[in-house]
Amino acid sequence: MKNKLPKSVYRPTHTNKYSVNIHSKKYDKNIHVGYFYTISEAIAARDKFIVNNYDDLTSGYLPRGITFDKRRNHFNASFTFEKSTVFIGSYKSLHEAVEARNKFIDSLKKKTLSHEVCKLKS
């Protein structure tokens, strides 16, 4: 069974690092973002690259959990976990939506970590 990695993140056989490659429909080629030691570093680099180069990629390519509402001309941020989706908010820029989603994920990590620490103490 093949390991499922996040979109645009790959694990080449010749290295122990994760590779980020994003396809640009505008230029019809793959763009190599870099190699990273952890999946979270690779995802952060992928999202940053997409935000900074959004116009050079394609209007249809967005980071996971970000959608574009054409009617309102806003980017919507959400987070899905175990078949439940939480709407985070609607933002005027892609950068704001990605930041909000990342802050939401970080707050979940902190809550989960503090909950695990409480379990260990009891």
N, C-alpha and C. Protein backbone atom coordinates (compact mmCIF):
# COMPACT_ATOMS: atom_id res chain seq x y z
N MET A 1 0.84 -1.18 0.00
CA MET A 1 0.00 0.00 0.00
C MET A 1 0.88 1.25 0.00
N LYS A 2 0.54 2.19 -0.81
CA LYS A 2 1.33 3.40 -0.98
C LYS A 2 1.01 4.40 0.14
N ASN A 3 2.07 5.05 0.68
CA ASN A 3 1.86 6.08 1.70
C ASN A 3 1.21 7.30 1.08
N LYS A 4 0.24 7.87 1.76
CA LYS A 4 -0.45 9.05 1.25
C LYS A 4 0.24 10.29 1.81
N LEU A 5 0.81 11.09 0.94
CA LEU A 5 1.46 12.33 1.32
C LEU A 5 0.61 13.51 0.89
N PRO A 6 0.79 14.67 1.51
CA PRO A 6 0.03 15.86 1.11
C PRO A 6 0.30 16.23 -0.35
N LYS A 7 -0.63 16.98 -0.91
CA LYS A 7 -0.53 17.40 -2.30
C LYS A 7 0.80 18.12 -2.56
N SER A 8 1.47 17.76 -3.63
CA SER A 8 2.74 18.35 -4.10
C SER A 8 3.94 18.00 -3.23
N VAL A 9 3.79 17.10 -2.26
CA VAL A 9 4.90 16.66 -1.42
C VAL A 9 5.22 15.22 -1.80
N TYR A 10 6.50 14.96 -2.08
CA TYR A 10 6.93 13.65 -2.53
C TYR A 10 8.12 13.16 -1.70
N ARG A 11 8.35 11.86 -1.71
CA ARG A 11 9.50 11.28 -1.01
C ARG A 11 10.32 10.51 -2.03
N PRO A 12 11.32 11.18 -2.65
CA PRO A 12 12.15 10.50 -3.65
C PRO A 12 12.91 9.32 -3.03
N THR A 13 13.15 8.31 -3.83
CA THR A 13 13.83 7.12 -3.33
C THR A 13 15.32 7.36 -3.08
N HIS A 14 15.91 8.37 -3.71
CA HIS A 14 17.34 8.59 -3.59
C HIS A 14 17.73 9.45 -2.38
N THR A 15 16.76 9.90 -1.59
CA THR A 15 17.07 10.74 -0.44
C THR A 15 16.08 10.48 0.70
N ASN A 16 16.45 10.86 1.91
CA ASN A 16 15.57 10.72 3.07
C ASN A 16 14.75 11.98 3.30
N LYS A 17 14.83 12.92 2.40
CA LYS A 17 14.12 14.19 2.56
C LYS A 17 12.83 14.17 1.75
N TYR A 18 11.95 15.12 2.07
CA TYR A 18 10.70 15.30 1.33
C TYR A 18 10.92 16.39 0.28
N SER A 19 10.40 16.17 -0.90
CA SER A 19 10.54 17.10 -2.00
C SER A 19 9.20 17.79 -2.26
N VAL A 20 9.25 19.09 -2.55
CA VAL A 20 8.04 19.83 -2.91
C VAL A 20 8.17 20.27 -4.36
N ASN A 21 7.22 19.83 -5.19
CA ASN A 21 7.17 20.20 -6.60
C ASN A 21 5.75 20.64 -6.92
N ILE A 22 5.62 21.81 -7.51
CA ILE A 22 4.31 22.36 -7.83
C ILE A 22 4.22 22.58 -9.33
N HIS A 23 3.09 22.16 -9.90
CA HIS A 23 2.88 22.33 -11.34
C HIS A 23 2.29 23.71 -11.62
N SER A 24 2.91 24.42 -12.55
CA SER A 24 2.41 25.73 -12.98
C SER A 24 1.69 25.55 -14.31
N LYS A 25 0.37 25.77 -14.30
CA LYS A 25 -0.39 25.68 -15.55
C LYS A 25 -0.05 26.85 -16.47
N LYS A 26 0.30 27.98 -15.87
CA LYS A 26 0.63 29.16 -16.67
C LYS A 26 1.85 28.89 -17.57
N TYR A 27 2.88 28.25 -17.01
CA TYR A 27 4.10 27.96 -17.77
C TYR A 27 4.16 26.51 -18.23
N ASP A 28 3.16 25.69 -17.84
CA ASP A 28 3.09 24.28 -18.18
C ASP A 28 4.38 23.53 -17.84
N LYS A 29 4.82 23.70 -16.60
CA LYS A 29 6.00 22.99 -16.13
C LYS A 29 5.93 22.82 -14.61
N ASN A 30 6.72 21.88 -14.10
CA ASN A 30 6.82 21.68 -12.66
C ASN A 30 7.90 22.58 -12.09
N ILE A 31 7.62 23.14 -10.93
CA ILE A 31 8.57 24.01 -10.25
C ILE A 31 9.01 23.31 -8.96
N HIS A 32 10.32 23.09 -8.84
CA HIS A 32 10.86 22.45 -7.64
C HIS A 32 11.07 23.51 -6.57
N VAL A 33 10.42 23.35 -5.42
CA VAL A 33 10.52 24.32 -4.33
C VAL A 33 11.71 24.00 -3.44
N GLY A 34 11.95 22.72 -3.18
CA GLY A 34 13.10 22.35 -2.37
C GLY A 34 12.94 21.00 -1.68
N TYR A 35 13.97 20.62 -0.91
CA TYR A 35 13.96 19.40 -0.11
C TYR A 35 13.85 19.79 1.36
N PHE A 36 13.11 18.98 2.15
CA PHE A 36 12.87 19.29 3.55
C PHE A 36 12.94 18.02 4.38
N TYR A 37 13.39 18.16 5.63
CA TYR A 37 13.57 17.02 6.51
C TYR A 37 12.25 16.46 7.05
N THR A 38 11.25 17.33 7.25
CA THR A 38 9.98 16.86 7.81
C THR A 38 8.82 17.23 6.89
N ILE A 39 7.71 16.52 7.05
CA ILE A 39 6.52 16.82 6.27
C ILE A 39 6.00 18.21 6.60
N SER A 40 6.03 18.59 7.88
CA SER A 40 5.51 19.91 8.26
C SER A 40 6.34 21.03 7.65
N GLU A 41 7.67 20.87 7.56
CA GLU A 41 8.51 21.87 6.88
C GLU A 41 8.14 21.95 5.41
N ALA A 42 7.91 20.79 4.78
CA ALA A 42 7.56 20.75 3.36
C ALA A 42 6.22 21.42 3.11
N ILE A 43 5.24 21.16 3.96
CA ILE A 43 3.92 21.78 3.81
C ILE A 43 4.00 23.29 3.98
N ALA A 44 4.75 23.74 4.99
CA ALA A 44 4.91 25.18 5.22
C ALA A 44 5.57 25.86 4.02
N ALA A 45 6.59 25.22 3.46
CA ALA A 45 7.28 25.77 2.28
C ALA A 45 6.36 25.79 1.07
N ARG A 46 5.58 24.71 0.90
CA ARG A 46 4.63 24.65 -0.21
C ARG A 46 3.60 25.77 -0.11
N ASP A 47 3.01 25.93 1.08
CA ASP A 47 1.99 26.96 1.26
C ASP A 47 2.57 28.36 1.06
N LYS A 48 3.76 28.60 1.57
CA LYS A 48 4.40 29.91 1.41
C LYS A 48 4.69 30.18 -0.06
N PHE A 49 5.17 29.16 -0.77
CA PHE A 49 5.45 29.33 -2.20
C PHE A 49 4.18 29.65 -2.97
N ILE A 50 3.09 28.94 -2.65
CA ILE A 50 1.83 29.18 -3.35
C ILE A 50 1.33 30.60 -3.10
N VAL A 51 1.39 31.05 -1.85
CA VAL A 51 0.93 32.39 -1.51
C VAL A 51 1.77 33.45 -2.23
N ASN A 52 3.08 33.28 -2.22
CA ASN A 52 3.97 34.28 -2.83
C ASN A 52 3.98 34.25 -4.36
N ASN A 53 3.59 33.13 -4.95
CA ASN A 53 3.64 32.99 -6.41
C ASN A 53 2.29 32.62 -7.00
N TYR A 54 1.21 33.01 -6.34
CA TYR A 54 -0.13 32.59 -6.74
C TYR A 54 -0.44 32.96 -8.19
N ASP A 55 -0.08 34.16 -8.62
CA ASP A 55 -0.38 34.60 -9.98
C ASP A 55 0.42 33.83 -11.03
N ASP A 56 1.58 33.32 -10.66
CA ASP A 56 2.39 32.56 -11.61
C ASP A 56 1.99 31.09 -11.70
N LEU A 57 1.15 30.63 -10.80
CA LEU A 57 0.74 29.23 -10.82
C LEU A 57 -0.55 29.08 -11.61
N THR A 58 -1.66 29.19 -10.94
CA THR A 58 -2.96 29.07 -11.59
C THR A 58 -4.02 29.50 -10.60
N SER A 59 -5.13 29.97 -11.09
CA SER A 59 -6.20 30.39 -10.19
C SER A 59 -6.88 29.19 -9.53
N GLY A 60 -6.65 28.00 -10.05
CA GLY A 60 -7.31 26.83 -9.50
C GLY A 60 -6.51 26.08 -8.45
N TYR A 61 -5.31 26.50 -8.18
CA TYR A 61 -4.44 25.78 -7.25
C TYR A 61 -4.37 26.54 -5.93
N LEU A 62 -4.92 25.97 -4.89
CA LEU A 62 -4.92 26.60 -3.57
C LEU A 62 -4.43 25.60 -2.53
N PRO A 63 -3.85 26.11 -1.43
CA PRO A 63 -3.45 25.19 -0.36
C PRO A 63 -4.66 24.44 0.20
N ARG A 64 -4.42 23.31 0.78
CA ARG A 64 -5.49 22.50 1.36
C ARG A 64 -6.25 23.31 2.41
N GLY A 65 -7.57 23.25 2.35
CA GLY A 65 -8.41 23.95 3.30
C GLY A 65 -8.75 25.37 2.91
N ILE A 66 -8.28 25.81 1.73
CA ILE A 66 -8.56 27.16 1.25
C ILE A 66 -9.36 27.04 -0.06
N THR A 67 -10.48 27.75 -0.11
CA THR A 67 -11.27 27.80 -1.34
C THR A 67 -11.51 29.24 -1.71
N PHE A 68 -11.84 29.47 -2.98
CA PHE A 68 -12.11 30.84 -3.43
C PHE A 68 -13.59 30.97 -3.76
N ASP A 69 -14.24 31.95 -3.15
CA ASP A 69 -15.66 32.24 -3.38
C ASP A 69 -15.73 33.33 -4.45
N LYS A 70 -16.04 32.93 -5.69
CA LYS A 70 -16.08 33.89 -6.81
C LYS A 70 -17.16 34.95 -6.62
N ARG A 71 -18.26 34.54 -6.04
CA ARG A 71 -19.39 35.47 -5.86
C ARG A 71 -19.02 36.62 -4.93
N ARG A 72 -18.32 36.31 -3.84
CA ARG A 72 -17.95 37.33 -2.87
C ARG A 72 -16.53 37.85 -3.06
N ASN A 73 -15.77 37.19 -3.95
CA ASN A 73 -14.38 37.55 -4.21
C ASN A 73 -13.54 37.48 -2.93
N HIS A 74 -13.72 36.37 -2.19
CA HIS A 74 -13.01 36.14 -0.94
C HIS A 74 -12.45 34.72 -0.91
N PHE A 75 -11.42 34.54 -0.08
CA PHE A 75 -10.85 33.22 0.16
C PHE A 75 -11.41 32.69 1.47
N ASN A 76 -11.94 31.48 1.46
CA ASN A 76 -12.50 30.86 2.66
C ASN A 76 -11.52 29.84 3.21
N ALA A 77 -11.32 29.88 4.54
CA ALA A 77 -10.44 28.94 5.21
C ALA A 77 -11.27 27.97 6.04
N SER A 78 -10.92 26.69 5.96
CA SER A 78 -11.61 25.68 6.75
C SER A 78 -10.61 24.59 7.13
N PHE A 79 -11.03 23.75 8.07
CA PHE A 79 -10.19 22.65 8.52
C PHE A 79 -11.06 21.42 8.67
N THR A 80 -10.63 20.30 8.07
CA THR A 80 -11.39 19.06 8.14
C THR A 80 -10.59 18.01 8.90
N PHE A 81 -11.26 17.38 9.87
CA PHE A 81 -10.63 16.33 10.65
C PHE A 81 -11.68 15.28 10.98
N GLU A 82 -11.38 14.03 10.65
CA GLU A 82 -12.29 12.91 10.89
C GLU A 82 -13.70 13.20 10.40
N LYS A 83 -13.81 13.62 9.15
CA LYS A 83 -15.08 13.86 8.44
C LYS A 83 -15.90 15.03 9.00
N SER A 84 -15.28 15.86 9.84
CA SER A 84 -15.95 17.06 10.35
C SER A 84 -15.19 18.28 9.84
N THR A 85 -15.92 19.24 9.28
CA THR A 85 -15.29 20.45 8.75
C THR A 85 -15.66 21.64 9.62
N VAL A 86 -14.64 22.44 9.96
CA VAL A 86 -14.83 23.66 10.74
C VAL A 86 -14.52 24.84 9.82
N PHE A 87 -15.47 25.75 9.68
CA PHE A 87 -15.25 26.96 8.90
C PHE A 87 -14.49 27.95 9.77
N ILE A 88 -13.33 28.40 9.31
CA ILE A 88 -12.49 29.31 10.09
C ILE A 88 -12.84 30.75 9.80
N GLY A 89 -13.02 31.09 8.52
CA GLY A 89 -13.38 32.46 8.19
C GLY A 89 -13.23 32.75 6.71
N SER A 90 -13.61 33.97 6.33
CA SER A 90 -13.53 34.45 4.96
C SER A 90 -12.58 35.65 4.92
N TYR A 91 -11.67 35.67 3.96
CA TYR A 91 -10.61 36.68 3.93
C TYR A 91 -10.44 37.26 2.54
N LYS A 92 -10.00 38.51 2.49
CA LYS A 92 -9.83 39.20 1.20
C LYS A 92 -8.62 38.70 0.44
N SER A 93 -7.59 38.25 1.15
CA SER A 93 -6.38 37.80 0.45
C SER A 93 -6.07 36.34 0.79
N LEU A 94 -5.38 35.69 -0.11
CA LEU A 94 -4.96 34.31 0.09
C LEU A 94 -4.03 34.23 1.29
N HIS A 95 -3.14 35.18 1.43
CA HIS A 95 -2.18 35.20 2.54
C HIS A 95 -2.91 35.21 3.88
N GLU A 96 -3.93 36.04 4.03
CA GLU A 96 -4.69 36.12 5.28
C GLU A 96 -5.39 34.79 5.58
N ALA A 97 -5.94 34.16 4.56
CA ALA A 97 -6.64 32.88 4.74
C ALA A 97 -5.68 31.79 5.19
N VAL A 98 -4.50 31.74 4.59
CA VAL A 98 -3.51 30.72 4.95
C VAL A 98 -3.02 30.96 6.39
N GLU A 99 -2.76 32.23 6.73
CA GLU A 99 -2.33 32.55 8.10
C GLU A 99 -3.37 32.13 9.13
N ALA A 100 -4.64 32.43 8.85
CA ALA A 100 -5.72 32.09 9.77
C ALA A 100 -5.82 30.58 9.94
N ARG A 101 -5.70 29.84 8.86
CA ARG A 101 -5.78 28.38 8.93
C ARG A 101 -4.60 27.82 9.72
N ASN A 102 -3.41 28.34 9.48
CA ASN A 102 -2.23 27.87 10.21
C ASN A 102 -2.35 28.18 11.71
N LYS A 103 -2.86 29.35 12.07
CA LYS A 103 -3.06 29.70 13.48
C LYS A 103 -4.07 28.76 14.12
N PHE A 104 -5.13 28.44 13.39
CA PHE A 104 -6.14 27.51 13.90
C PHE A 104 -5.52 26.14 14.16
N ILE A 105 -4.73 25.65 13.22
CA ILE A 105 -4.07 24.34 13.37
C ILE A 105 -3.11 24.37 14.56
N ASP A 106 -2.34 25.46 14.71
CA ASP A 106 -1.42 25.58 15.84
C ASP A 106 -2.17 25.57 17.17
N SER A 107 -3.32 26.24 17.22
CA SER A 107 -4.10 26.25 18.47
C SER A 107 -4.61 24.84 18.79
N LEU A 108 -4.99 24.08 17.75
CA LEU A 108 -5.41 22.70 17.98
C LEU A 108 -4.27 21.84 18.50
N LYS A 109 -3.07 22.06 17.95
CA LYS A 109 -1.90 21.30 18.40
C LYS A 109 -1.63 21.59 19.87
N LYS A 110 -1.71 22.87 20.26
CA LYS A 110 -1.45 23.24 21.66
C LYS A 110 -2.48 22.64 22.59
N LYS A 111 -3.77 22.66 22.18
CA LYS A 111 -4.82 22.07 23.00
C LYS A 111 -4.61 20.58 23.15
N THR A 112 -4.27 19.90 22.06
CA THR A 112 -4.05 18.46 22.10
C THR A 112 -2.85 18.13 22.96
N LEU A 113 -1.79 18.90 22.84
CA LEU A 113 -0.57 18.65 23.61
C LEU A 113 -0.85 18.87 25.10
N SER A 114 -1.54 19.94 25.47
CA SER A 114 -1.83 20.19 26.88
C SER A 114 -2.78 19.13 27.43
N HIS A 115 -3.70 18.64 26.60
CA HIS A 115 -4.61 17.57 27.02
C HIS A 115 -3.83 16.28 27.29
N GLU A 116 -2.84 15.97 26.43
CA GLU A 116 -2.02 14.78 26.61
C GLU A 116 -1.17 14.90 27.87
N VAL A 117 -0.65 16.09 28.15
CA VAL A 117 0.17 16.32 29.36
C VAL A 117 -0.69 16.11 30.60
N CYS A 118 -1.92 16.61 30.57
CA CYS A 118 -2.85 16.42 31.71
C CYS A 118 -3.13 14.94 31.94
N LYS A 119 -3.27 14.18 30.85
CA LYS A 119 -3.52 12.74 30.97
C LYS A 119 -2.33 12.04 31.64
N LEU A 120 -1.13 12.46 31.26
CA LEU A 120 0.08 11.83 31.81
C LEU A 120 0.22 12.13 33.30
N LYS A 121 -0.19 13.34 33.73
CA LYS A 121 -0.07 13.72 35.13
C LYS A 121 -1.03 12.96 36.02
N SER A 122 -2.19 12.58 35.46
CA SER A 122 -3.19 11.90 36.30
C SER A 122 -3.01 10.41 36.36
